[in-house]
N, C-alpha and C. Protein backbone atom coordinates (compact mmCIF):
# COMPACT_ATOMS: atom_id res chain seq x y z
N MET A 1 -11.00 -11.20 -9.82
CA MET A 1 -11.20 -10.13 -9.08
C MET A 1 -11.83 -9.21 -9.62
N ALA A 2 -12.71 -8.41 -8.62
CA ALA A 2 -13.85 -7.29 -9.22
C ALA A 2 -13.55 -6.03 -9.73
N ARG A 3 -13.74 -5.48 -10.92
CA ARG A 3 -13.52 -4.53 -11.59
C ARG A 3 -13.70 -3.21 -10.68
N VAL A 4 -12.98 -2.63 -10.51
CA VAL A 4 -12.79 -1.40 -9.82
C VAL A 4 -12.23 -0.15 -10.31
N ALA A 5 -12.70 0.97 -9.77
CA ALA A 5 -11.90 2.42 -10.47
C ALA A 5 -10.54 2.31 -10.02
N LEU A 6 -9.92 2.35 -10.64
CA LEU A 6 -8.40 2.45 -10.48
C LEU A 6 -7.74 3.81 -10.39
N LYS A 7 -6.74 4.27 -9.80
CA LYS A 7 -6.17 5.17 -9.79
C LYS A 7 -5.18 5.41 -10.71
N LYS A 8 -4.61 6.30 -11.12
CA LYS A 8 -3.83 6.77 -12.38
C LYS A 8 -2.41 5.94 -11.96
N GLY A 9 -1.87 5.21 -12.99
CA GLY A 9 -0.89 4.30 -13.04
C GLY A 9 -0.81 3.10 -12.21
N GLU A 10 -2.28 2.74 -11.44
CA GLU A 10 -2.25 1.38 -10.93
C GLU A 10 -2.46 0.31 -11.75
N ALA A 11 -3.30 0.99 -12.98
CA ALA A 11 -3.70 -0.37 -13.80
C ALA A 11 -2.10 -1.07 -14.40
N ALA A 12 -1.25 0.11 -14.64
CA ALA A 12 0.00 -0.44 -14.94
C ALA A 12 0.65 -1.34 -14.17
N GLU A 13 0.54 -0.93 -12.93
CA GLU A 13 1.77 -1.31 -11.55
C GLU A 13 1.14 -2.87 -11.67
N ARG A 14 -0.34 -3.06 -11.78
CA ARG A 14 -1.01 -4.43 -11.64
C ARG A 14 -0.49 -5.60 -12.93
N ILE A 15 -0.73 -4.83 -13.93
CA ILE A 15 -0.37 -5.55 -15.10
C ILE A 15 1.36 -5.79 -15.36
N TRP A 16 1.92 -4.88 -14.59
CA TRP A 16 3.68 -5.16 -14.69
C TRP A 16 3.98 -6.22 -13.75
N ARG A 17 3.41 -6.15 -12.48
CA ARG A 17 3.21 -7.14 -11.40
C ARG A 17 2.87 -8.86 -11.87
N PHE A 18 2.04 -8.70 -13.20
CA PHE A 18 1.53 -10.01 -13.53
C PHE A 18 2.66 -10.44 -14.32
N LEU A 19 3.39 -9.39 -15.18
CA LEU A 19 4.15 -9.78 -16.00
C LEU A 19 5.79 -10.27 -15.73
N ARG A 20 5.91 -9.70 -14.47
CA ARG A 20 7.01 -10.02 -13.88
C ARG A 20 6.99 -11.69 -13.00
N LYS A 21 5.76 -11.84 -12.84
CA LYS A 21 5.57 -13.37 -12.33
C LYS A 21 5.13 -14.41 -13.37
N VAL A 22 4.55 -14.21 -14.61
CA VAL A 22 4.24 -15.04 -15.45
C VAL A 22 5.56 -15.59 -16.08
N ASN A 23 5.21 -17.16 -16.14
CA ASN A 23 6.15 -18.01 -16.76
C ASN A 23 5.87 -18.71 -18.22
N ASP A 24 4.74 -18.37 -18.46
CA ASP A 24 4.07 -19.06 -19.73
C ASP A 24 3.29 -18.08 -20.40
N VAL A 25 2.90 -18.36 -21.72
CA VAL A 25 2.08 -17.76 -22.55
C VAL A 25 0.75 -17.04 -21.75
N PHE A 26 0.45 -15.94 -22.52
CA PHE A 26 -0.98 -15.59 -21.72
C PHE A 26 -1.45 -14.92 -23.24
N THR A 27 -3.00 -14.50 -22.59
CA THR A 27 -3.66 -13.58 -23.34
C THR A 27 -4.13 -12.46 -22.70
N VAL A 28 -4.77 -11.68 -23.52
CA VAL A 28 -5.32 -10.29 -22.95
C VAL A 28 -6.16 -10.35 -21.40
N ASN A 29 -7.27 -11.53 -22.19
CA ASN A 29 -8.06 -12.47 -21.13
C ASN A 29 -7.79 -12.76 -19.64
N ASP A 30 -6.55 -13.39 -19.99
CA ASP A 30 -5.90 -14.00 -18.71
C ASP A 30 -5.75 -12.80 -17.83
N VAL A 31 -4.87 -11.58 -18.43
CA VAL A 31 -4.16 -10.71 -17.78
C VAL A 31 -5.55 -9.98 -17.01
N ALA A 32 -6.50 -9.45 -18.01
CA ALA A 32 -7.65 -8.88 -17.42
C ALA A 32 -8.22 -9.76 -16.00
N ARG A 33 -8.26 -10.90 -16.12
CA ARG A 33 -8.81 -11.90 -15.18
C ARG A 33 -8.60 -12.01 -13.86
N ILE A 34 -7.14 -12.09 -14.18
CA ILE A 34 -6.10 -12.23 -12.62
C ILE A 34 -5.90 -10.86 -12.20
N THR A 35 -5.57 -9.86 -12.93
CA THR A 35 -4.96 -8.44 -12.34
C THR A 35 -6.36 -7.54 -11.71
N GLY A 36 -8.00 -7.87 -12.51
CA GLY A 36 -8.81 -6.89 -12.11
C GLY A 36 -8.99 -5.79 -13.03
N VAL A 37 -7.98 -5.24 -14.10
CA VAL A 37 -8.01 -4.50 -15.17
C VAL A 37 -8.98 -4.81 -16.33
N SER A 38 -9.98 -3.73 -16.59
CA SER A 38 -10.82 -3.95 -17.78
C SER A 38 -9.78 -4.60 -18.95
N ARG A 39 -10.19 -5.98 -19.51
CA ARG A 39 -9.76 -6.22 -21.06
C ARG A 39 -9.32 -4.88 -21.74
N TYR A 40 -10.02 -4.01 -22.05
CA TYR A 40 -9.67 -2.80 -22.78
C TYR A 40 -8.44 -2.33 -22.65
N VAL A 41 -8.33 -1.84 -21.29
CA VAL A 41 -6.96 -1.50 -20.79
C VAL A 41 -5.79 -2.42 -21.18
N CYS A 42 -5.96 -3.52 -20.70
CA CYS A 42 -5.11 -4.54 -20.68
C CYS A 42 -4.70 -4.72 -22.11
N GLY A 43 -5.40 -4.86 -23.15
CA GLY A 43 -5.28 -4.89 -24.63
C GLY A 43 -4.25 -3.97 -25.24
N TYR A 44 -4.78 -2.82 -24.98
CA TYR A 44 -4.16 -1.48 -24.80
C TYR A 44 -2.94 -1.47 -24.50
N TYR A 45 -2.36 -1.66 -23.20
CA TYR A 45 -1.19 -1.85 -22.86
C TYR A 45 -0.18 -2.75 -23.38
N LEU A 46 -0.91 -3.89 -23.35
CA LEU A 46 0.32 -5.44 -24.02
C LEU A 46 0.42 -4.97 -25.37
N ARG A 47 -0.73 -4.06 -26.19
CA ARG A 47 0.06 -3.93 -27.80
C ARG A 47 1.30 -2.88 -27.34
N PHE A 48 1.05 -1.90 -26.58
CA PHE A 48 2.36 -1.00 -26.55
C PHE A 48 3.58 -2.00 -26.20
N LEU A 49 3.39 -2.58 -25.18
CA LEU A 49 4.57 -3.35 -24.69
C LEU A 49 5.24 -4.02 -25.77
N ALA A 50 4.15 -4.80 -26.62
CA ALA A 50 4.47 -5.49 -27.59
C ALA A 50 5.32 -4.71 -28.82
N ARG A 51 4.76 -3.75 -29.09
CA ARG A 51 5.47 -2.84 -30.19
C ARG A 51 6.94 -2.10 -29.65
N ALA A 52 7.03 -2.08 -28.63
CA ALA A 52 8.43 -1.70 -28.11
C ALA A 52 9.32 -2.67 -27.61
N GLY A 53 9.02 -3.95 -27.93
CA GLY A 53 9.99 -5.04 -27.65
C GLY A 53 9.64 -5.72 -26.13
N TYR A 54 9.16 -5.18 -25.21
CA TYR A 54 9.03 -5.89 -24.09
C TYR A 54 8.35 -7.12 -23.96
N LEU A 55 7.13 -7.67 -25.02
CA LEU A 55 6.56 -8.42 -24.99
C LEU A 55 6.79 -8.97 -26.69
N ARG A 56 6.36 -10.33 -26.83
CA ARG A 56 6.33 -10.97 -28.26
C ARG A 56 4.91 -11.99 -28.40
N VAL A 57 4.34 -11.87 -29.74
CA VAL A 57 3.33 -12.34 -29.73
C VAL A 57 3.75 -13.53 -30.69
N VAL A 58 3.51 -14.81 -29.97
CA VAL A 58 3.88 -16.32 -30.35
C VAL A 58 2.78 -16.99 -30.99
N GLY A 59 1.69 -16.42 -30.99
CA GLY A 59 0.95 -17.42 -31.86
C GLY A 59 -0.69 -16.86 -31.36
N ILE A 60 -1.77 -17.77 -32.19
CA ILE A 60 -2.99 -17.49 -31.69
C ILE A 60 -3.74 -18.51 -30.79
N ARG A 61 -4.37 -18.39 -30.23
CA ARG A 61 -5.17 -19.52 -29.29
C ARG A 61 -6.32 -19.61 -30.29
N SER A 62 -6.04 -21.06 -30.67
CA SER A 62 -7.26 -21.63 -31.67
C SER A 62 -8.90 -21.33 -31.19
N SER A 63 -8.91 -21.60 -30.20
CA SER A 63 -10.42 -21.71 -29.56
C SER A 63 -11.15 -20.33 -29.62
N THR A 64 -10.39 -19.16 -29.31
CA THR A 64 -10.81 -17.99 -28.95
C THR A 64 -10.30 -16.97 -30.00
N ARG A 65 -9.35 -17.12 -30.66
CA ARG A 65 -8.56 -16.45 -31.82
C ARG A 65 -8.04 -15.21 -31.09
N GLU A 66 -7.77 -15.39 -29.61
CA GLU A 66 -6.65 -14.58 -29.04
C GLU A 66 -5.68 -14.35 -29.57
N LYS A 67 -4.49 -13.43 -29.23
CA LYS A 67 -3.17 -13.56 -29.34
C LYS A 67 -2.43 -13.89 -28.33
N LEU A 68 -1.47 -14.64 -28.37
CA LEU A 68 -0.88 -15.46 -27.16
C LEU A 68 0.46 -14.58 -27.05
N TYR A 69 0.51 -14.04 -25.86
CA TYR A 69 1.81 -13.34 -25.64
C TYR A 69 2.84 -13.91 -24.68
N GLU A 70 4.44 -13.47 -24.79
CA GLU A 70 4.84 -14.34 -24.17
C GLU A 70 6.20 -12.96 -23.56
N VAL A 71 6.73 -12.94 -22.35
CA VAL A 71 7.62 -11.67 -22.09
C VAL A 71 8.81 -11.98 -22.88
N LYS A 72 9.19 -11.04 -23.45
CA LYS A 72 10.85 -10.97 -23.96
C LYS A 72 11.46 -10.41 -23.01
N LYS A 73 11.27 -9.16 -22.51
CA LYS A 73 12.40 -8.56 -21.63
C LYS A 73 11.56 -7.94 -20.55
N LEU A 74 11.84 -7.54 -19.26
CA LEU A 74 11.51 -6.50 -18.30
C LEU A 74 13.09 -6.18 -17.51
N THR A 75 12.69 -4.86 -17.69
CA THR A 75 14.02 -4.18 -17.07
C THR A 75 14.10 -4.11 -15.77
N GLY A 76 12.82 -4.08 -14.93
CA GLY A 76 13.15 -4.28 -13.46
C GLY A 76 11.80 -4.08 -12.65
N TRP A 77 11.11 -3.78 -11.46
CA TRP A 77 10.08 -3.94 -10.77
C TRP A 77 9.36 -2.44 -10.97
N LYS A 78 9.88 -1.33 -11.45
CA LYS A 78 9.03 -0.33 -11.48
C LYS A 78 8.05 -0.38 -12.98
N PRO A 79 6.68 0.03 -13.27
CA PRO A 79 5.94 -0.52 -14.15
C PRO A 79 6.28 0.71 -15.45
N VAL A 80 6.28 0.32 -16.76
CA VAL A 80 6.52 0.83 -17.91
C VAL A 80 5.30 1.41 -17.96
N THR A 81 5.18 2.95 -18.31
CA THR A 81 3.80 3.54 -18.36
C THR A 81 3.75 4.06 -19.94
N ALA A 82 2.57 3.92 -20.31
CA ALA A 82 2.25 4.15 -21.77
C ALA A 82 1.37 5.58 -21.74
N ASP A 83 1.63 6.60 -22.63
CA ASP A 83 1.01 7.81 -23.02
C ASP A 83 0.56 7.83 -24.40
N HIS A 84 -1.24 7.33 -24.25
CA HIS A 84 -1.79 7.28 -25.55
C HIS A 84 -1.77 8.36 -26.38
N ASN A 85 -1.86 9.69 -25.82
CA ASN A 85 -1.90 10.82 -26.72
C ASN A 85 -0.51 10.95 -27.24
N THR A 86 0.53 11.10 -26.96
CA THR A 86 1.80 11.09 -27.31
C THR A 86 2.61 9.97 -27.89
N TYR A 87 1.95 8.76 -27.69
CA TYR A 87 2.64 7.62 -28.02
C TYR A 87 3.67 7.50 -27.43
N ARG A 88 4.12 7.89 -26.40
CA ARG A 88 5.28 7.62 -25.75
C ARG A 88 5.40 6.24 -24.85
N LEU A 89 6.27 5.84 -24.85
CA LEU A 89 6.63 4.37 -23.36
C LEU A 89 7.44 5.59 -22.57
N THR A 90 7.16 5.26 -21.24
CA THR A 90 8.37 5.71 -20.18
C THR A 90 8.97 4.31 -19.35
N ASP A 91 10.10 4.10 -19.46
CA ASP A 91 10.64 3.09 -18.56
C ASP A 91 11.62 3.38 -17.62
N TYR A 92 10.90 3.53 -16.50
CA TYR A 92 11.49 4.22 -15.19
C TYR A 92 12.81 3.43 -14.55
N ASN A 93 12.79 2.05 -14.96
CA ASN A 93 13.94 1.26 -14.46
C ASN A 93 14.93 2.05 -14.96
N THR A 94 14.98 2.22 -16.38
CA THR A 94 16.06 2.56 -17.13
C THR A 94 16.57 4.04 -17.65
N ASP A 95 15.50 4.75 -17.16
CA ASP A 95 15.21 6.42 -17.43
C ASP A 95 15.04 6.87 -18.99
N THR A 96 14.11 6.22 -19.63
CA THR A 96 14.05 6.13 -20.85
C THR A 96 13.15 6.43 -21.22
N GLN A 97 12.90 7.05 -22.47
CA GLN A 97 11.69 7.14 -23.24
C GLN A 97 11.70 6.71 -24.73
N LYS A 98 10.65 5.93 -25.05
CA LYS A 98 10.76 5.74 -26.36
C LYS A 98 9.34 5.75 -27.20
N LYS A 99 9.23 6.56 -28.38
CA LYS A 99 8.31 7.07 -29.00
C LYS A 99 7.95 5.88 -30.06
N ILE A 100 6.61 5.20 -29.58
CA ILE A 100 5.81 4.12 -30.28
C ILE A 100 5.00 4.69 -31.58
N PRO A 101 5.43 4.27 -32.94
CA PRO A 101 4.90 4.75 -33.82
C PRO A 101 3.45 4.05 -33.72
N LYS A 102 2.45 5.11 -34.69
CA LYS A 102 1.15 4.26 -34.63
C LYS A 102 1.21 3.42 -35.74
N ALA A 103 0.44 2.03 -35.55
CA ALA A 103 0.39 1.07 -36.47
C ALA A 103 -0.69 1.15 -37.55
N THR A 104 -0.23 1.00 -38.71
CA THR A 104 -1.54 0.54 -39.71
C THR A 104 -1.72 -0.69 -39.83
N GLY A 105 -2.86 -0.98 -40.49
CA GLY A 105 -3.36 -2.86 -40.77
C GLY A 105 -1.78 -3.47 -41.69
N LYS A 106 -1.38 -2.71 -42.42
CA LYS A 106 -0.30 -3.32 -43.21
C LYS A 106 1.05 -3.78 -42.12
N GLU A 107 1.15 -2.53 -41.56
CA GLU A 107 2.59 -2.76 -40.56
C GLU A 107 2.05 -3.78 -39.22
N THR A 108 0.85 -3.86 -38.86
CA THR A 108 0.69 -5.01 -37.64
C THR A 108 0.66 -6.05 -38.44
N ALA A 109 0.41 -6.45 -39.52
CA ALA A 109 0.49 -7.48 -40.16
C ALA A 109 1.51 -8.03 -40.26
N ARG A 110 2.64 -7.14 -40.87
CA ARG A 110 4.20 -7.61 -40.90
C ARG A 110 4.83 -7.63 -39.53
N PHE A 111 4.27 -6.85 -38.23
CA PHE A 111 4.79 -6.88 -37.25
C PHE A 111 4.48 -8.46 -36.56
N LYS A 112 3.27 -9.10 -36.71
CA LYS A 112 2.83 -10.37 -36.16
C LYS A 112 3.90 -11.21 -37.03
N ILE A 113 3.57 -11.45 -38.55
CA ILE A 113 4.57 -12.41 -38.76
C ILE A 113 5.89 -12.25 -38.58
N LEU A 114 6.33 -11.31 -38.52
CA LEU A 114 8.24 -11.00 -38.32
C LEU A 114 8.22 -11.75 -36.55
N SER A 115 7.21 -11.06 -35.88
CA SER A 115 7.38 -11.63 -34.13
C SER A 115 7.37 -13.16 -34.38
N TYR A 116 6.64 -13.79 -34.97
CA TYR A 116 6.15 -14.99 -35.09
C TYR A 116 7.51 -15.97 -35.71
N ILE A 117 8.04 -15.52 -36.64
CA ILE A 117 8.99 -15.86 -37.55
C ILE A 117 10.62 -15.85 -36.16
N GLU A 118 10.57 -14.77 -35.49
CA GLU A 118 11.62 -14.63 -34.88
C GLU A 118 11.78 -15.87 -33.65
N SER A 119 10.52 -16.23 -33.11
CA SER A 119 10.19 -17.32 -32.59
C SER A 119 10.58 -18.67 -32.72
N LEU A 120 10.85 -18.72 -34.13
CA LEU A 120 10.39 -20.18 -34.53
C LEU A 120 12.13 -20.65 -34.76
N GLU A 121 12.20 -21.73 -34.48
CA GLU A 121 13.67 -22.62 -34.60
C GLU A 121 13.39 -23.66 -35.81
N GLY A 122 14.30 -23.20 -36.88
CA GLY A 122 13.98 -24.68 -38.07
C GLY A 122 13.06 -23.79 -39.43
N ASP A 123 12.78 -24.81 -40.05
CA ASP A 123 12.03 -24.40 -41.50
C ASP A 123 10.74 -24.13 -40.80
N PHE A 124 10.23 -23.50 -41.83
CA PHE A 124 8.50 -23.01 -41.71
C PHE A 124 8.16 -22.83 -42.87
N SER A 125 7.10 -22.92 -43.17
CA SER A 125 6.24 -22.57 -44.76
C SER A 125 5.30 -21.53 -44.04
N PRO A 126 4.98 -20.85 -45.42
CA PRO A 126 4.09 -19.63 -45.34
C PRO A 126 3.00 -19.89 -44.66
N ILE A 127 2.15 -21.15 -44.93
CA ILE A 127 0.83 -21.61 -44.79
C ILE A 127 0.81 -21.79 -42.95
N GLU A 128 2.13 -22.42 -42.79
CA GLU A 128 2.16 -22.51 -41.15
C GLU A 128 2.02 -20.93 -40.30
N VAL A 129 3.09 -20.31 -40.85
CA VAL A 129 2.94 -19.31 -40.48
C VAL A 129 1.57 -18.47 -40.24
N ALA A 130 0.88 -18.02 -41.76
CA ALA A 130 -0.45 -17.72 -41.44
C ALA A 130 -1.09 -18.46 -40.81
N LYS A 131 -1.43 -19.58 -40.38
CA LYS A 131 -2.35 -20.25 -39.57
C LYS A 131 -1.84 -19.79 -37.86
N ALA A 132 -0.74 -19.64 -37.92
CA ALA A 132 -0.47 -19.53 -36.42
C ALA A 132 -0.65 -17.54 -35.81
N VAL A 133 -0.36 -16.94 -36.80
CA VAL A 133 -0.71 -15.34 -36.77
C VAL A 133 -1.99 -15.14 -37.32
N GLY A 134 -2.68 -16.09 -37.72
CA GLY A 134 -4.06 -15.59 -38.12
C GLY A 134 -4.39 -14.53 -39.23
N ILE A 135 -3.49 -14.54 -40.13
CA ILE A 135 -3.52 -13.65 -41.44
C ILE A 135 -3.71 -14.16 -42.45
N ASN A 136 -4.31 -13.76 -43.60
CA ASN A 136 -4.40 -14.47 -44.90
C ASN A 136 -3.16 -14.92 -45.47
N PRO A 137 -3.03 -16.34 -45.98
CA PRO A 137 -2.05 -16.81 -46.31
C PRO A 137 -1.47 -16.30 -47.77
N LYS A 138 -2.06 -15.47 -48.58
CA LYS A 138 -1.40 -15.00 -50.10
C LYS A 138 -0.57 -13.76 -49.32
N THR A 139 -1.30 -12.98 -48.22
CA THR A 139 -0.50 -11.81 -47.64
C THR A 139 0.75 -12.28 -46.93
N THR A 140 0.72 -13.39 -46.04
CA THR A 140 1.53 -13.85 -45.52
C THR A 140 3.12 -14.42 -46.40
N ALA A 141 2.49 -15.13 -47.34
CA ALA A 141 3.47 -15.66 -48.48
C ALA A 141 4.10 -14.58 -49.06
N ASN A 142 3.22 -13.45 -49.44
CA ASN A 142 4.20 -12.44 -50.35
C ASN A 142 5.02 -12.06 -49.15
N PHE A 143 4.40 -11.60 -48.01
CA PHE A 143 5.56 -10.50 -47.28
C PHE A 143 7.21 -11.68 -46.72
N ILE A 144 6.84 -13.41 -46.81
CA ILE A 144 7.94 -14.04 -46.74
C ILE A 144 8.81 -13.74 -47.80
N ARG A 145 8.18 -13.73 -49.33
CA ARG A 145 9.07 -13.93 -50.20
C ARG A 145 9.91 -12.67 -50.52
N LYS A 146 9.29 -11.68 -49.82
CA LYS A 146 9.64 -10.05 -49.82
C LYS A 146 11.03 -10.19 -48.80
N LEU A 147 10.88 -10.87 -47.45
CA LEU A 147 11.99 -11.31 -47.01
C LEU A 147 12.99 -12.02 -47.06
N TYR A 148 12.70 -12.79 -48.13
CA TYR A 148 13.54 -13.79 -48.71
C TYR A 148 14.59 -13.01 -49.98
N LYS A 149 13.89 -12.25 -50.79
CA LYS A 149 14.83 -11.37 -51.68
C LYS A 149 15.19 -10.66 -51.05
N GLU A 150 15.21 -10.17 -50.05
CA GLU A 150 15.96 -9.23 -49.36
C GLU A 150 17.11 -9.68 -48.21
N GLY A 151 17.17 -11.02 -48.16
CA GLY A 151 18.25 -11.78 -47.64
C GLY A 151 18.35 -12.26 -46.25
N LEU A 152 17.01 -12.04 -45.68
CA LEU A 152 16.41 -12.03 -44.15
C LEU A 152 16.36 -13.62 -43.89
N LEU A 153 16.09 -14.18 -45.36
CA LEU A 153 15.28 -15.76 -44.83
C LEU A 153 15.97 -16.42 -46.08
N LYS A 154 16.67 -17.57 -45.56
CA LYS A 154 17.07 -18.43 -46.95
C LYS A 154 16.05 -19.57 -47.32
N GLN A 155 15.70 -20.03 -48.42
CA GLN A 155 14.85 -20.88 -48.94
C GLN A 155 15.50 -22.21 -48.94
N THR A 156 14.83 -23.28 -48.21
CA THR A 156 15.58 -24.49 -48.00
C THR A 156 14.44 -25.76 -48.72
N SER A 157 13.62 -25.51 -49.30
CA SER A 157 12.90 -26.39 -50.60
C SER A 157 12.20 -25.17 -51.34
N LYS A 158 11.87 -25.63 -52.95
CA LYS A 158 11.25 -24.60 -53.85
C LYS A 158 9.42 -24.64 -53.63
N ARG A 159 9.10 -24.32 -54.50
CA ARG A 159 7.87 -24.10 -54.76
C ARG A 159 7.43 -25.34 -55.04
N PRO A 160 6.02 -25.79 -54.99
CA PRO A 160 4.75 -25.16 -54.72
C PRO A 160 4.74 -25.27 -53.37
N LYS A 161 5.59 -25.82 -52.51
CA LYS A 161 5.48 -26.20 -51.11
C LYS A 161 7.14 -25.73 -50.25
N ALA A 162 7.17 -24.44 -50.78
CA ALA A 162 8.43 -23.71 -50.17
C ALA A 162 8.61 -23.64 -48.74
N ARG A 163 9.39 -23.94 -48.06
CA ARG A 163 10.01 -23.91 -46.87
C ARG A 163 11.15 -23.12 -46.42
N TYR A 164 11.05 -21.97 -45.72
CA TYR A 164 12.08 -21.12 -45.44
C TYR A 164 12.79 -21.36 -43.93
N ARG A 165 14.10 -21.07 -43.91
CA ARG A 165 14.52 -20.78 -42.28
C ARG A 165 15.02 -19.15 -42.29
N ARG A 166 15.15 -19.00 -41.12
CA ARG A 166 15.95 -17.72 -40.76
C ARG A 166 17.50 -17.52 -40.86
N VAL A 167 17.85 -16.43 -41.40
CA VAL A 167 19.34 -16.38 -41.53
C VAL A 167 19.97 -16.32 -40.18
N GLN A 168 21.21 -16.81 -39.91
CA GLN A 168 21.34 -16.51 -38.52
C GLN A 168 22.80 -15.32 -38.48
């Protein structure tokens, strides 16, 4: 689909329509190619939706190093709109507004790790998580150890090849 100038809100409508139809994982480039919306706008909108809990980052495509997204929840047929000036997301299906905090580098790394761990079933190692989300293994291991100390994870095997599991 050719890139054309879009009216205000039309980009969100096109992307939301795509999200309602997709049944598999997708990347920002996939959304841009299918909807005709620029890659920049698609990336911005998908990041907002992921931070708000509508999408989940499930990994990284190894060939292109792009994030793989999956739909976590959709509230209806009307698109959710993102206001980049006030960092607010407005969901017209539920008539709610949600303030989305600006993410720092440290917060985004933690968010990626947490999102990926939420999608896992069974045991995992910090190395496996680091490779999947594309974050430094040492950073990933330190954060996973912190989650373990807080009681959110349980350790299934000890170091040097520690493995963890989510606490139900």
